[in-house]
N, C-alpha and C. Protein backbone atom coordinates (compact mmCIF):
# COMPACT_ATOMS: atom_id res chain seq x y z
N MET A 1 132.19 100.06 140.42
CA MET A 1 131.80 100.45 139.07
C MET A 1 130.48 101.22 139.09
N PHE A 2 129.50 100.74 139.86
CA PHE A 2 128.21 101.39 139.95
C PHE A 2 128.36 102.81 140.52
N LEU A 3 129.21 102.98 141.52
CA LEU A 3 129.44 104.28 142.13
C LEU A 3 130.02 105.26 141.11
N LEU A 4 130.92 104.81 140.26
CA LEU A 4 131.50 105.66 139.22
C LEU A 4 130.41 106.12 138.25
N PHE A 5 129.52 105.23 137.85
CA PHE A 5 128.42 105.57 136.95
C PHE A 5 127.50 106.61 137.58
N VAL A 6 127.19 106.47 138.85
CA VAL A 6 126.31 107.41 139.56
C VAL A 6 126.96 108.78 139.66
N LEU A 7 128.26 108.84 139.81
CA LEU A 7 128.95 110.12 139.92
C LEU A 7 129.11 110.80 138.55
N VAL A 8 129.28 110.04 137.49
CA VAL A 8 129.51 110.59 136.15
C VAL A 8 128.19 111.05 135.52
N LEU A 9 127.10 110.37 135.75
CA LEU A 9 125.81 110.69 135.14
C LEU A 9 125.35 112.11 135.43
N PRO A 10 125.40 112.61 136.67
CA PRO A 10 124.99 114.00 136.91
C PRO A 10 125.86 115.02 136.18
N CYS A 11 127.12 114.70 135.93
CA CYS A 11 127.99 115.62 135.20
C CYS A 11 127.50 115.82 133.78
N PHE A 12 127.07 114.73 133.12
CA PHE A 12 126.53 114.85 131.76
C PHE A 12 125.26 115.69 131.75
N ALA A 13 124.41 115.50 132.73
CA ALA A 13 123.17 116.29 132.81
C ALA A 13 123.49 117.77 133.02
N LEU A 14 124.50 118.07 133.81
CA LEU A 14 124.89 119.46 134.06
C LEU A 14 125.37 120.12 132.78
N PHE A 15 126.20 119.44 132.01
CA PHE A 15 126.70 120.01 130.76
C PHE A 15 125.58 120.20 129.75
N ALA A 16 124.64 119.29 129.70
CA ALA A 16 123.53 119.40 128.75
C ALA A 16 122.68 120.63 129.08
N GLN A 17 122.46 120.91 130.34
CA GLN A 17 121.66 122.08 130.72
C GLN A 17 122.38 123.37 130.36
N GLU A 18 123.68 123.43 130.56
CA GLU A 18 124.43 124.63 130.21
C GLU A 18 124.37 124.89 128.71
N GLU A 19 124.49 123.86 127.93
CA GLU A 19 124.46 124.02 126.47
C GLU A 19 123.09 124.53 126.03
N ASN A 20 122.02 124.00 126.61
CA ASN A 20 120.68 124.44 126.26
C ASN A 20 120.45 125.91 126.58
N SER A 21 120.85 126.37 127.74
CA SER A 21 120.63 127.76 128.11
C SER A 21 121.48 128.70 127.26
N ALA A 22 122.62 128.25 126.80
CA ALA A 22 123.45 129.10 125.96
C ALA A 22 122.85 129.26 124.56
N GLN A 23 122.11 128.26 124.11
CA GLN A 23 121.51 128.34 122.79
C GLN A 23 120.37 129.35 122.74
N ASN A 24 119.61 129.52 123.82
CA ASN A 24 118.49 130.44 123.84
C ASN A 24 118.53 131.30 125.11
N PRO A 25 119.42 132.28 125.16
CA PRO A 25 119.55 133.08 126.38
C PRO A 25 118.40 134.07 126.56
N PHE A 26 117.65 134.36 125.50
CA PHE A 26 116.57 135.34 125.55
C PHE A 26 115.25 134.60 125.54
N ASP A 27 114.49 134.72 126.62
CA ASP A 27 113.22 134.02 126.74
C ASP A 27 112.09 134.95 126.35
N TYR A 28 111.23 134.52 125.43
CA TYR A 28 110.11 135.34 125.01
C TYR A 28 108.93 134.47 124.60
N LYS A 29 107.74 135.09 124.57
CA LYS A 29 106.53 134.43 124.10
C LYS A 29 106.06 135.17 122.86
N LEU A 30 105.63 134.42 121.86
CA LEU A 30 105.20 135.03 120.61
C LEU A 30 103.94 134.32 120.12
N THR A 31 102.92 135.11 119.74
CA THR A 31 101.72 134.55 119.13
C THR A 31 101.44 135.30 117.84
N CYS A 32 100.81 134.60 116.89
CA CYS A 32 100.47 135.20 115.60
C CYS A 32 99.44 134.34 114.89
N ASP A 33 98.94 134.84 113.76
CA ASP A 33 97.97 134.08 112.98
C ASP A 33 98.63 133.05 112.08
N SER A 34 99.79 133.37 111.50
CA SER A 34 100.48 132.42 110.62
C SER A 34 101.98 132.66 110.65
N VAL A 35 102.72 131.64 110.21
CA VAL A 35 104.19 131.68 110.22
C VAL A 35 104.71 131.21 108.87
N LYS A 36 105.72 131.92 108.35
CA LYS A 36 106.43 131.50 107.14
C LYS A 36 107.88 131.28 107.51
N LEU A 37 108.42 130.15 107.13
CA LEU A 37 109.81 129.81 107.43
C LEU A 37 110.61 129.80 106.14
N PHE A 38 111.71 130.57 106.13
CA PHE A 38 112.64 130.61 105.00
C PHE A 38 113.96 130.02 105.49
N SER A 39 114.05 128.69 105.50
CA SER A 39 115.20 128.02 106.10
C SER A 39 116.49 128.27 105.34
N ASP A 40 116.41 128.51 104.03
CA ASP A 40 117.62 128.74 103.25
C ASP A 40 118.33 130.04 103.63
N ILE A 41 117.58 131.05 104.05
CA ILE A 41 118.19 132.33 104.47
C ILE A 41 118.01 132.59 105.97
N LYS A 42 117.51 131.59 106.69
CA LYS A 42 117.37 131.63 108.15
C LYS A 42 116.52 132.81 108.62
N LEU A 43 115.36 132.98 107.99
CA LEU A 43 114.39 134.00 108.39
C LEU A 43 113.07 133.33 108.75
N ILE A 44 112.38 133.90 109.74
CA ILE A 44 111.03 133.47 110.08
C ILE A 44 110.15 134.71 110.05
N GLU A 45 109.02 134.62 109.35
CA GLU A 45 108.02 135.70 109.33
C GLU A 45 106.82 135.28 110.14
N TYR A 46 106.48 136.09 111.13
CA TYR A 46 105.28 135.89 111.92
C TYR A 46 104.27 136.92 111.43
N LEU A 47 103.10 136.46 111.00
CA LEU A 47 102.14 137.34 110.32
C LEU A 47 100.80 137.38 111.04
N GLY A 48 100.19 138.57 111.02
CA GLY A 48 98.82 138.75 111.49
C GLY A 48 98.65 138.77 113.00
N ASN A 49 98.27 139.93 113.52
CA ASN A 49 97.99 140.10 114.95
C ASN A 49 99.12 139.53 115.81
N VAL A 50 100.34 139.94 115.51
CA VAL A 50 101.53 139.40 116.16
C VAL A 50 101.73 140.07 117.52
N ARG A 51 102.03 139.23 118.51
CA ARG A 51 102.33 139.72 119.86
C ARG A 51 103.60 139.04 120.34
N LEU A 52 104.58 139.84 120.78
CA LEU A 52 105.83 139.34 121.34
C LEU A 52 105.98 139.94 122.72
N GLN A 53 106.29 139.09 123.70
CA GLN A 53 106.45 139.58 125.07
C GLN A 53 107.67 138.94 125.71
N SER A 54 108.48 139.78 126.36
CA SER A 54 109.62 139.32 127.15
C SER A 54 109.72 140.23 128.37
N ASP A 55 110.77 140.05 129.15
CA ASP A 55 110.99 140.93 130.30
C ASP A 55 111.33 142.35 129.87
N ILE A 56 111.86 142.51 128.65
CA ILE A 56 112.35 143.80 128.18
C ILE A 56 111.37 144.50 127.25
N ILE A 57 110.70 143.75 126.39
CA ILE A 57 109.90 144.36 125.33
C ILE A 57 108.54 143.67 125.21
N VAL A 58 107.51 144.48 124.93
CA VAL A 58 106.18 143.96 124.64
C VAL A 58 105.70 144.64 123.36
N ILE A 59 105.39 143.83 122.36
CA ILE A 59 104.86 144.33 121.09
C ILE A 59 103.50 143.68 120.90
N GLU A 60 102.48 144.51 120.65
CA GLU A 60 101.14 143.98 120.49
C GLU A 60 100.52 144.45 119.18
N LYS A 61 99.72 143.58 118.59
CA LYS A 61 98.92 143.88 117.41
C LYS A 61 99.75 144.38 116.23
N ALA A 62 100.90 143.78 116.01
CA ALA A 62 101.72 144.13 114.85
C ALA A 62 101.25 143.32 113.64
N ASP A 63 101.45 143.88 112.46
CA ASP A 63 101.11 143.16 111.23
C ASP A 63 102.10 142.03 110.96
N LYS A 64 103.41 142.31 111.21
CA LYS A 64 104.42 141.32 110.87
C LYS A 64 105.68 141.52 111.73
N ILE A 65 106.28 140.41 112.14
CA ILE A 65 107.60 140.40 112.75
C ILE A 65 108.46 139.45 111.95
N VAL A 66 109.62 139.94 111.51
CA VAL A 66 110.59 139.09 110.80
C VAL A 66 111.77 138.88 111.74
N LEU A 67 112.09 137.61 111.99
CA LEU A 67 113.21 137.24 112.85
C LEU A 67 114.33 136.69 112.00
N ASP A 68 115.50 137.33 112.07
CA ASP A 68 116.71 136.82 111.43
C ASP A 68 117.38 135.90 112.44
N GLN A 69 117.36 134.62 112.18
CA GLN A 69 117.89 133.65 113.13
C GLN A 69 119.40 133.74 113.28
N THR A 70 120.09 134.26 112.30
CA THR A 70 121.54 134.39 112.37
C THR A 70 121.95 135.51 113.32
N THR A 71 121.33 136.68 113.17
CA THR A 71 121.69 137.85 113.99
C THR A 71 120.82 138.02 115.22
N GLN A 72 119.71 137.26 115.30
CA GLN A 72 118.73 137.38 116.38
C GLN A 72 118.09 138.78 116.42
N GLU A 73 118.00 139.41 115.25
CA GLU A 73 117.37 140.72 115.14
C GLU A 73 115.95 140.54 114.61
N ILE A 74 115.02 141.35 115.16
CA ILE A 74 113.66 141.35 114.65
C ILE A 74 113.35 142.70 114.03
N VAL A 75 112.50 142.68 113.02
CA VAL A 75 111.97 143.90 112.41
C VAL A 75 110.46 143.78 112.49
N VAL A 76 109.84 144.74 113.15
CA VAL A 76 108.40 144.74 113.37
C VAL A 76 107.79 145.80 112.47
N THR A 77 106.75 145.44 111.70
CA THR A 77 106.06 146.41 110.86
C THR A 77 104.57 146.38 111.18
N GLY A 78 103.89 147.50 110.86
CA GLY A 78 102.47 147.61 111.15
C GLY A 78 102.21 147.61 112.64
N LEU A 79 103.03 148.33 113.35
CA LEU A 79 103.02 148.35 114.81
C LEU A 79 101.82 149.11 115.35
N ASP A 80 101.14 148.54 116.35
CA ASP A 80 100.02 149.21 116.99
C ASP A 80 100.37 149.62 118.42
N GLU A 81 100.92 148.69 119.21
CA GLU A 81 101.31 148.99 120.58
C GLU A 81 102.70 148.43 120.85
N PHE A 82 103.47 149.22 121.63
CA PHE A 82 104.87 148.87 121.86
C PHE A 82 105.29 149.42 123.22
N THR A 83 105.83 148.56 124.08
CA THR A 83 106.37 148.98 125.37
C THR A 83 107.78 148.43 125.49
N PHE A 84 108.72 149.30 125.86
CA PHE A 84 110.11 148.88 125.97
C PHE A 84 110.62 149.12 127.37
N ASP A 85 111.08 148.07 128.02
CA ASP A 85 111.67 148.13 129.36
C ASP A 85 110.75 148.80 130.36
N GLY A 86 109.46 148.71 130.14
CA GLY A 86 108.47 149.27 131.05
C GLY A 86 108.42 150.78 131.07
N ALA A 87 109.28 151.46 130.30
CA ALA A 87 109.38 152.91 130.39
C ALA A 87 108.83 153.63 129.16
N ILE A 88 109.04 153.11 127.98
CA ILE A 88 108.62 153.77 126.76
C ILE A 88 107.39 153.04 126.23
N ARG A 89 106.32 153.76 126.01
CA ARG A 89 105.10 153.16 125.50
C ARG A 89 104.59 153.97 124.33
N ILE A 90 104.35 153.31 123.21
CA ILE A 90 103.80 153.95 122.03
C ILE A 90 102.52 153.20 121.67
N THR A 91 101.42 153.93 121.50
CA THR A 91 100.16 153.29 121.15
C THR A 91 99.45 154.06 120.05
N SER A 92 98.92 153.35 119.11
CA SER A 92 97.99 153.82 118.08
C SER A 92 98.28 155.16 117.44
N GLY A 93 99.45 155.74 117.62
CA GLY A 93 99.76 157.01 116.98
C GLY A 93 100.01 156.87 115.50
N LYS A 94 100.43 155.69 115.09
CA LYS A 94 100.75 155.38 113.69
C LYS A 94 101.85 156.26 113.12
N GLU A 95 102.49 157.09 113.96
CA GLU A 95 103.64 157.86 113.51
C GLU A 95 104.83 156.93 113.30
N TYR A 96 104.91 155.93 114.17
CA TYR A 96 106.02 154.98 114.11
C TYR A 96 105.46 153.65 113.62
N LYS A 97 105.97 153.18 112.52
CA LYS A 97 105.45 151.94 111.95
C LYS A 97 106.42 150.78 112.05
N THR A 98 107.71 151.06 112.29
CA THR A 98 108.72 149.99 112.26
C THR A 98 109.59 150.05 113.52
N VAL A 99 109.86 148.87 114.08
CA VAL A 99 110.78 148.74 115.20
C VAL A 99 111.83 147.71 114.82
N ARG A 100 113.10 148.05 115.06
CA ARG A 100 114.21 147.12 114.88
C ARG A 100 114.78 146.84 116.26
N TYR A 101 114.99 145.56 116.55
CA TYR A 101 115.42 145.18 117.89
C TYR A 101 116.19 143.87 117.84
N LYS A 102 117.33 143.82 118.51
CA LYS A 102 118.10 142.58 118.62
C LYS A 102 117.70 141.93 119.94
N LEU A 103 117.25 140.69 119.87
CA LEU A 103 116.74 139.98 121.04
C LEU A 103 117.75 140.00 122.18
N GLY A 104 117.29 140.44 123.34
CA GLY A 104 118.13 140.50 124.53
C GLY A 104 118.80 141.84 124.77
N ASP A 105 118.85 142.71 123.76
CA ASP A 105 119.48 144.03 123.94
C ASP A 105 118.58 144.97 124.74
N ARG A 106 119.16 146.08 125.15
CA ARG A 106 118.40 147.12 125.87
C ARG A 106 118.17 148.34 124.98
N ILE A 107 118.33 148.18 123.67
CA ILE A 107 118.12 149.29 122.72
C ILE A 107 117.19 148.80 121.63
N ALA A 108 116.16 149.61 121.33
CA ALA A 108 115.28 149.34 120.20
C ALA A 108 115.26 150.59 119.33
N TYR A 109 115.20 150.39 118.02
CA TYR A 109 115.18 151.52 117.08
C TYR A 109 113.78 151.64 116.50
N VAL A 110 113.15 152.78 116.71
CA VAL A 110 111.80 153.03 116.24
C VAL A 110 111.88 153.98 115.05
N GLU A 111 111.30 153.58 113.92
CA GLU A 111 111.38 154.38 112.69
C GLU A 111 109.98 154.76 112.24
């Protein structure tokens, strides 16, 4: 009986880890001055000196990032610095104020 328990327990741990990684496949770090949560419409607003960094995208000194938790899309406004996939870098030009990006994608839309 004890041997059966020892063999079954690691299986449960394996399934739990797979479920966790599937829930958040895109790993990123985000800092800001304040956060507003709109749970009824599944939106999060990150406000003031917002910085988002992942392997694909780095956004620095933005005024606001809005994350749609349903679609995993972000809209960045008041953009100061932006680097995408290490190749495209936009800084302080203020020509581009908005970035739309779906977390984990390799395409960002700069408006």
